[in-house]
Amino acid sequence: MFQSSVRQFARERLAPHVRSMDETGIFKKELIAELFDLGLMGIEIPEELGGQGGSFFQSILAIQELAKIDPSAAVIVDVQNTLFNNALLRWGSAEQQRRWLPRAARDTVASYALSEAGSGSDAFAMATRAVDEGSHYRLNGRKLWITNASEAGLFLLFANVNPELGYKGVTAFLIERETPGFKVGKKEDKLGIRASSTCELILDDCRVPNENVIGEAGRGYKIAIETLNEGRIGIGAQMLGLAEGALDHALAYSKQRKQFGKPIADFQGVQFELAEMAVEVEAARLMVYNAARRHDARMPFLTEAAMCKYFASQVAERVASRAVEVLGGVGFTKDYPVEKLYRDAKIGRIYEGTSNMQRLTIAKQLLGNRG
């Protein structure tokens, strides 16, 4: 029922606006409000804090269904649930959860700010600094490529309080948008997922009170790593949904498009393409679902998370590319959705850990202890 309701919303409310949002690079505010009304921005937040009291697996299903129609919508929900909400549920104090999670469930978009110009895959080579000034920290620096930043009111941001200790000085801070010294900067003009905002963040003597430290000083590296491990399953679900959407368009078009007096679906060459696409989508689905299942069962899932993100990102690119080819000339135009899905697919191999980083993670687990 949950998956069906998200699917219905995506088809009826989201689909009519996908092309215009892609062209303008702006996600409609009224659709964000509807995501909150449906409970999709606080799926795992307990009911007593205003959320749905659902499971991680439900978040994965929501991301998957939204991505079939618009991967931009999927990543908005993904960052809110698998990164921000999850981090506060696991690492936030009871008081911090009571303060911010109801807002995240009700009406406030959240963002996750880790990356910088000089620290992408090397996430803990960050230059953003936090100086302890007793009752508060003073933050200075710049974050880049931050998803949801244009719409967000809450930011989980990482800065180093003790650079001499390297990654052991990294600390997680909760910053509200109106905080003096904090500013959302330039919005990126992107190849794909254009309706999902990606911006820089600027911190200029930004004063953050001690009570806004998530976890404790110096524990930010652990929070970031463990949260991203969960987030990678979300990206796997996004890429899975994208691939499913592309396959659906290819199947529908192949039955309707005629050449030589019959639908192109009757030609073996097209049938083989569709069959191979379907096999890859099903394999990706099983990998994503298995990683999510292991997470909810409190079983080790690090390897499975890396594998599902790595594989689903590859599948999304291949299936979207093949869908463009099945549609032929019209598939190359913006009049049909597969062109956009093809552009959207590229980011899957880049954000929340590049494909090379996933390979490294998988290899380390194979050669050492799985976890």
Protein backbone atom coordinates (compact mmCIF):
# COMPACT_ATOMS: atom_id res chain seq x y z
CA MET A 1 0.00 0.00 0.00
CA PHE A 2 2.81 2.39 0.87
CA GLN A 3 4.65 1.75 -2.40
CA SER A 4 1.41 2.06 -4.36
CA SER A 5 0.55 5.42 -2.80
CA VAL A 6 3.99 6.82 -3.66
CA ARG A 7 3.67 5.46 -7.20
CA GLN A 8 0.27 7.13 -7.59
CA PHE A 9 1.61 10.47 -6.35
CA ALA A 10 4.57 10.25 -8.72
CA ARG A 11 2.40 9.51 -11.75
CA GLU A 12 -0.44 11.90 -11.04
CA ARG A 13 1.19 14.87 -9.31
CA LEU A 14 4.87 14.72 -10.19
CA ALA A 15 4.92 13.58 -13.81
CA PRO A 16 3.15 16.64 -15.32
CA HIS A 17 5.84 18.97 -13.97
CA VAL A 18 9.02 16.98 -14.62
CA ARG A 19 10.00 18.59 -17.92
CA SER A 20 9.36 22.18 -16.82
CA MET A 21 11.26 21.65 -13.56
CA ASP A 22 14.18 20.16 -15.49
CA GLU A 23 14.25 23.13 -17.86
CA THR A 24 14.06 25.76 -15.13
CA GLY A 25 16.23 23.87 -12.65
CA ILE A 26 13.69 24.57 -9.91
CA PHE A 27 11.64 22.06 -7.93
CA LYS A 28 8.11 23.35 -7.35
CA LYS A 29 7.45 24.42 -3.76
CA GLU A 30 3.93 23.02 -3.81
CA LEU A 31 5.29 19.56 -4.67
CA ILE A 32 7.73 19.74 -1.76
CA ALA A 33 4.77 20.60 0.47
CA GLU A 34 2.97 17.52 -0.86
CA LEU A 35 5.99 15.34 -0.10
CA PHE A 36 5.69 16.50 3.52
CA ASP A 37 1.91 16.00 3.55
CA LEU A 38 2.38 12.40 2.37
CA GLY A 39 4.88 11.78 5.15
CA LEU A 40 7.70 11.08 2.71
CA MET A 41 10.14 13.47 4.37
CA GLY A 42 10.00 11.78 7.77
CA ILE A 43 9.50 8.11 7.03
CA GLU A 44 11.67 6.72 9.86
CA ILE A 45 11.04 9.51 12.35
CA PRO A 46 8.98 8.14 15.27
CA GLU A 47 5.31 9.02 15.36
CA GLU A 48 5.70 10.85 18.67
CA LEU A 49 8.07 13.25 16.88
CA GLY A 50 5.70 13.80 13.98
CA GLY A 51 7.04 11.16 11.60
CA GLN A 52 5.64 7.97 10.09
CA GLY A 53 7.45 5.52 12.36
CA GLY A 54 8.35 3.50 9.27
CA SER A 55 11.38 1.46 8.27
CA PHE A 56 14.52 2.14 6.27
CA PHE A 57 13.15 -0.25 3.65
CA GLN A 58 10.11 2.01 3.23
CA SER A 59 12.42 4.95 2.54
CA ILE A 60 14.11 2.85 -0.15
CA LEU A 61 10.75 2.01 -1.73
CA ALA A 62 9.74 5.67 -1.79
CA ILE A 63 13.02 6.71 -3.42
CA GLN A 64 12.66 3.95 -6.01
CA GLU A 65 9.09 4.89 -6.98
CA LEU A 66 9.83 8.61 -7.22
CA ALA A 67 12.92 7.98 -9.35
CA LYS A 68 10.86 6.12 -11.96
CA ILE A 69 9.24 9.46 -12.74
CA ASP A 70 11.83 12.02 -11.61
CA PRO A 71 15.20 11.18 -10.02
CA SER A 72 15.38 14.80 -8.81
CA ALA A 73 12.40 14.24 -6.53
CA ALA A 74 13.92 10.95 -5.38
CA VAL A 75 17.18 12.54 -4.23
CA ILE A 76 15.34 15.24 -2.27
CA VAL A 77 13.56 12.51 -0.30
CA ASP A 78 16.72 10.42 -0.16
CA VAL A 79 18.93 13.08 1.48
CA GLN A 80 16.18 13.97 3.95
CA ASN A 81 15.63 10.40 5.10
CA THR A 82 18.78 8.34 4.64
CA LEU A 83 21.28 11.08 5.53
CA PHE A 84 19.83 13.86 7.70
CA ASN A 85 17.05 12.06 9.58
CA ASN A 86 19.11 8.91 10.00
CA ALA A 87 22.07 10.83 11.41
CA LEU A 88 19.91 12.58 14.01
CA LEU A 89 18.06 9.41 14.93
CA ARG A 90 21.31 7.59 15.55
CA TRP A 91 23.63 10.31 16.86
CA GLY A 92 21.45 13.14 18.10
CA SER A 93 20.58 13.55 21.78
CA ALA A 94 16.97 13.22 22.90
CA GLU A 95 16.75 17.02 23.14
CA GLN A 96 18.20 17.49 19.64
CA GLN A 97 15.75 14.98 18.23
CA ARG A 98 12.80 16.73 19.90
CA ARG A 99 14.02 20.07 18.59
CA TRP A 100 14.69 19.29 14.94
CA LEU A 101 13.08 16.03 13.83
CA PRO A 102 9.49 17.34 14.06
CA ARG A 103 10.51 20.16 11.72
CA ALA A 104 12.14 17.70 9.32
CA ALA A 105 8.96 15.62 9.30
CA ARG A 106 6.55 18.56 9.04
CA ASP A 107 7.82 21.32 6.75
CA THR A 108 11.60 21.88 6.73
CA VAL A 109 13.86 20.50 4.01
CA ALA A 110 17.24 19.31 5.30
CA SER A 111 20.68 19.12 3.73
CA TYR A 112 23.93 17.24 4.33
CA ALA A 113 27.12 19.26 3.90
CA LEU A 114 30.35 17.28 3.70
CA SER A 115 32.04 17.92 0.33
CA GLU A 116 34.46 20.75 -0.44
CA ALA A 117 36.53 21.84 -3.42
CA GLY A 118 39.56 19.93 -2.12
CA SER A 119 37.77 17.08 -0.36
CA GLY A 120 35.48 14.99 -2.51
CA SER A 121 36.42 11.32 -2.33
CA ASP A 122 39.04 12.31 0.25
CA ALA A 123 36.20 13.59 2.39
CA PHE A 124 38.24 14.28 5.50
CA ALA A 125 40.81 16.53 3.86
CA MET A 126 38.33 19.32 4.56
CA ALA A 127 39.44 22.91 5.01
CA THR A 128 36.36 24.15 6.89
CA ARG A 129 37.43 24.99 10.42
CA ALA A 130 35.55 25.23 13.71
CA VAL A 131 37.18 27.08 16.61
CA ASP A 132 35.97 26.34 20.14
CA GLU A 133 35.14 29.63 21.85
CA GLY A 134 33.56 28.26 25.01
CA SER A 135 29.80 28.51 24.66
CA HIS A 136 29.93 28.22 20.89
CA TYR A 137 32.09 27.33 17.89
CA ARG A 138 33.12 29.81 15.20
CA LEU A 139 33.06 28.23 11.73
CA ASN A 140 34.81 29.44 8.59
CA GLY A 141 34.99 27.75 5.22
CA ARG A 142 33.12 26.76 2.09
CA LYS A 143 31.19 23.67 1.11
CA LEU A 144 30.49 22.64 -2.49
CA TRP A 145 27.94 20.47 -4.33
CA ILE A 146 25.47 20.40 -1.46
CA THR A 147 22.17 18.75 -2.35
CA ASN A 148 18.88 20.38 -1.25
CA ALA A 149 20.79 23.53 -0.21
CA SER A 150 18.51 25.98 -2.04
CA GLU A 151 15.38 24.75 -0.24
CA ALA A 152 16.87 23.59 3.06
CA GLY A 153 16.26 25.17 6.43
CA LEU A 154 18.45 22.71 8.35
CA PHE A 155 22.02 21.68 7.50
CA LEU A 156 24.08 18.86 8.95
CA LEU A 157 27.55 20.29 8.31
CA PHE A 158 31.01 18.91 8.99
CA ALA A 159 34.02 20.97 10.06
CA ASN A 160 37.36 20.23 11.71
CA VAL A 161 37.87 21.46 15.28
CA ASN A 162 41.45 20.17 15.48
CA PRO A 163 43.25 19.94 12.11
CA GLU A 164 46.38 18.58 13.79
CA LEU A 165 44.44 15.39 14.54
CA GLY A 166 43.35 15.00 10.92
CA TYR A 167 40.06 13.18 10.51
CA LYS A 168 39.81 12.75 14.29
CA GLY A 169 39.07 16.46 14.58
CA VAL A 170 36.06 16.35 12.24
CA THR A 171 32.85 17.32 14.03
CA ALA A 172 29.19 17.40 12.96
CA PHE A 173 27.17 20.58 13.49
CA LEU A 174 23.48 21.32 13.03
CA ILE A 175 23.15 24.75 11.41
CA GLU A 176 19.88 26.55 10.82
CA ARG A 177 19.61 28.61 7.64
CA GLU A 178 19.09 31.92 9.46
CA THR A 179 22.29 31.56 11.51
CA PRO A 180 24.43 34.73 11.19
CA GLY A 181 27.57 34.13 9.16
CA PHE A 182 25.98 31.30 7.19
CA LYS A 183 24.96 31.77 3.56
CA VAL A 184 23.78 29.60 0.68
CA GLY A 185 25.84 30.62 -2.34
CA LYS A 186 25.97 29.82 -6.03
CA LYS A 187 23.62 27.21 -7.46
CA GLU A 188 25.21 24.80 -9.92
CA ASP A 189 23.95 24.48 -13.52
CA LYS A 190 24.06 20.71 -13.99
CA LEU A 191 23.86 18.03 -16.67
CA GLY A 192 21.18 16.01 -14.89
CA ILE A 193 18.87 15.93 -11.84
CA ARG A 194 18.52 19.62 -12.60
CA ALA A 195 15.43 20.23 -10.45
CA SER A 196 17.38 19.06 -7.40
CA SER A 197 19.34 22.05 -6.12
CA THR A 198 23.11 21.75 -5.70
CA CYS A 199 24.76 24.80 -4.13
CA GLU A 200 27.82 26.08 -2.34
CA LEU A 201 27.64 27.03 1.33
CA ILE A 202 29.68 29.88 2.76
CA LEU A 203 30.61 30.16 6.45
CA ASP A 204 32.08 33.49 7.54
CA ASP A 205 32.57 33.63 11.31
CA CYS A 206 29.41 31.55 11.70
CA ARG A 207 28.68 31.11 15.42
CA VAL A 208 27.17 27.71 16.25
CA PRO A 209 26.19 27.00 19.89
CA ASN A 210 27.63 23.96 21.65
CA GLU A 211 24.18 22.36 21.88
CA ASN A 212 24.18 22.13 18.06
CA VAL A 213 27.09 19.67 18.00
CA ILE A 214 25.76 16.28 16.89
CA GLY A 215 27.38 13.38 18.70
CA GLU A 216 30.46 14.92 20.22
CA ALA A 217 33.50 16.88 19.06
CA GLY A 218 35.84 14.72 17.00
CA ARG A 219 33.22 12.08 16.19
CA GLY A 220 32.10 13.61 12.91
CA TYR A 221 34.15 11.22 10.80
CA LYS A 222 32.28 8.24 12.24
CA ILE A 223 28.90 9.93 11.80
CA ALA A 224 29.72 10.82 8.18
CA ILE A 225 31.04 7.38 7.21
CA GLU A 226 28.24 5.39 8.80
CA THR A 227 25.54 7.72 7.49
CA LEU A 228 26.92 7.57 3.95
CA ASN A 229 26.95 3.78 4.11
CA GLU A 230 23.18 3.95 4.54
CA GLY A 231 22.85 6.73 1.98
CA ARG A 232 24.49 4.58 -0.67
CA ILE A 233 21.58 2.16 -0.51
CA GLY A 234 19.36 5.17 -1.16
CA ILE A 235 21.37 6.10 -4.26
CA GLY A 236 21.14 2.47 -5.36
CA ALA A 237 17.35 2.76 -5.04
CA GLN A 238 17.35 6.01 -7.01
CA MET A 239 19.34 4.44 -9.84
CA LEU A 240 17.14 1.34 -9.73
CA GLY A 241 14.00 3.44 -10.08
CA LEU A 242 15.56 5.43 -12.91
CA ALA A 243 16.39 2.21 -14.79
CA GLU A 244 12.88 0.86 -14.21
CA GLY A 245 11.40 4.08 -15.57
CA ALA A 246 13.58 3.92 -18.67
CA LEU A 247 12.65 0.27 -19.26
CA ASP A 248 8.94 1.07 -18.88
CA HIS A 249 9.20 3.79 -21.55
CA ALA A 250 11.10 1.46 -23.88
CA LEU A 251 8.54 -1.33 -23.47
CA ALA A 252 5.58 0.97 -24.08
CA TYR A 253 7.14 2.58 -27.14
CA SER A 254 8.21 -0.74 -28.67
CA LYS A 255 4.59 -1.96 -28.63
CA GLN A 256 3.25 1.19 -30.23
CA ARG A 257 5.95 2.12 -32.77
CA LYS A 258 5.54 0.36 -36.14
CA GLN A 259 8.11 -0.36 -38.81
CA PHE A 260 7.71 -2.61 -41.84
CA GLY A 261 4.04 -3.02 -40.97
CA LYS A 262 4.38 -4.30 -37.41
CA PRO A 263 5.38 -3.10 -33.91
CA ILE A 264 9.12 -3.01 -33.37
CA ALA A 265 8.51 -5.20 -30.29
CA ASP A 266 7.96 -8.06 -32.78
CA PHE A 267 11.57 -7.86 -33.97
CA GLN A 268 14.00 -10.18 -32.24
CA GLY A 269 16.72 -7.54 -32.11
CA VAL A 270 14.47 -5.26 -30.04
CA GLN A 271 13.22 -8.16 -27.94
CA PHE A 272 16.78 -9.10 -26.99
CA GLU A 273 17.54 -5.52 -25.97
CA LEU A 274 14.45 -5.36 -23.77
CA ALA A 275 15.19 -8.76 -22.24
CA GLU A 276 18.74 -7.80 -21.30
CA MET A 277 17.54 -4.51 -19.85
CA ALA A 278 14.96 -6.34 -17.74
CA VAL A 279 17.53 -8.83 -16.43
CA GLU A 280 19.84 -6.02 -15.29
CA VAL A 281 17.00 -4.11 -13.65
CA GLU A 282 15.89 -7.20 -11.75
CA ALA A 283 19.44 -7.92 -10.58
CA ALA A 284 19.82 -4.33 -9.36
CA ARG A 285 16.47 -4.51 -7.58
CA LEU A 286 17.46 -7.64 -5.69
CA MET A 287 20.79 -6.14 -4.66
CA VAL A 288 19.20 -2.90 -3.41
CA TYR A 289 16.45 -4.73 -1.55
CA ASN A 290 18.93 -7.13 0.02
CA ALA A 291 21.11 -4.28 1.31
CA ALA A 292 18.05 -2.53 2.76
CA ARG A 293 16.81 -5.78 4.31
CA ARG A 294 20.16 -6.38 5.98
CA HIS A 295 20.14 -2.82 7.33
CA ASP A 296 16.70 -3.26 8.92
CA ALA A 297 17.69 -6.68 10.30
CA ARG A 298 20.75 -5.07 11.96
CA MET A 299 23.03 -7.32 9.95
CA PRO A 300 26.35 -6.15 8.44
CA PHE A 301 25.56 -4.30 5.20
CA LEU A 302 28.64 -2.24 4.28
CA THR A 303 29.70 -4.52 1.43
CA GLU A 304 26.15 -4.92 0.14
CA ALA A 305 25.59 -1.14 0.23
CA ALA A 306 28.73 -0.50 -1.82
CA MET A 307 27.86 -3.28 -4.25
CA CYS A 308 24.28 -2.15 -4.82
CA LYS A 309 25.27 1.48 -5.42
CA TYR A 310 28.09 0.48 -7.76
CA PHE A 311 25.97 -1.97 -9.75
CA ALA A 312 22.72 0.01 -9.84
CA SER A 313 24.60 3.09 -11.10
CA GLN A 314 26.04 1.05 -13.97
CA VAL A 315 22.65 -0.47 -14.75
CA ALA A 316 20.94 2.94 -14.77
CA GLU A 317 23.40 4.27 -17.34
CA ARG A 318 23.19 1.23 -19.57
CA VAL A 319 19.42 0.84 -19.43
CA ALA A 320 18.76 4.55 -19.99
CA SER A 321 21.16 4.52 -22.96
CA ARG A 322 19.48 1.47 -24.47
CA ALA A 323 16.05 3.02 -23.92
CA VAL A 324 17.13 6.04 -25.97
CA GLU A 325 18.17 3.65 -28.74
CA VAL A 326 14.88 1.70 -28.62
CA LEU A 327 13.01 4.97 -29.07
CA GLY A 328 15.37 5.99 -31.85
CA GLY A 329 15.15 9.57 -33.11
CA VAL A 330 12.43 10.64 -30.71
CA GLY A 331 14.43 9.19 -27.83
CA PHE A 332 17.11 11.75 -28.58
CA THR A 333 14.66 14.62 -28.22
CA LYS A 334 13.37 16.31 -25.07
CA ASP A 335 9.80 15.45 -26.06
CA TYR A 336 10.26 11.97 -24.58
CA PRO A 337 11.41 11.31 -20.98
CA VAL A 338 14.27 8.90 -21.73
CA GLU A 339 16.60 11.71 -22.81
CA LYS A 340 16.30 13.23 -19.34
CA LEU A 341 16.71 9.87 -17.60
CA TYR A 342 19.90 9.31 -19.59
CA ARG A 343 21.30 12.64 -18.35
CA ASP A 344 20.14 11.96 -14.80
CA ALA A 345 21.84 8.57 -14.70
CA LYS A 346 25.39 9.96 -14.88
CA ILE A 347 25.42 11.31 -11.32
CA GLY A 348 24.90 7.84 -9.84
CA ARG A 349 28.55 6.95 -10.41
CA ILE A 350 29.75 10.19 -8.83
CA TYR A 351 27.94 11.30 -5.69
CA GLU A 352 27.87 9.73 -2.23
CA GLY A 353 31.05 7.88 -3.11
CA THR A 354 32.30 7.45 -6.67
CA SER A 355 32.29 4.05 -8.37
CA ASN A 356 36.03 3.80 -7.72
CA MET A 357 35.45 4.38 -4.01
CA GLN A 358 32.85 1.61 -4.02
CA ARG A 359 35.35 -0.72 -5.70
CA LEU A 360 37.89 0.08 -2.99
CA THR A 361 35.35 -0.57 -0.24
CA ILE A 362 34.28 -3.88 -1.76
CA ALA A 363 37.89 -5.03 -2.26
CA LYS A 364 38.86 -4.13 1.31
CA GLN A 365 35.92 -6.11 2.64
CA LEU A 366 36.77 -9.10 0.47
CA LEU A 367 40.39 -9.07 1.53
CA GLY A 368 39.72 -8.36 5.19
CA ASN A 369 36.78 -8.67 7.52
CA ARG A 370 33.32 -8.10 6.11
CA GLY A 371 31.27 -5.52 8.01
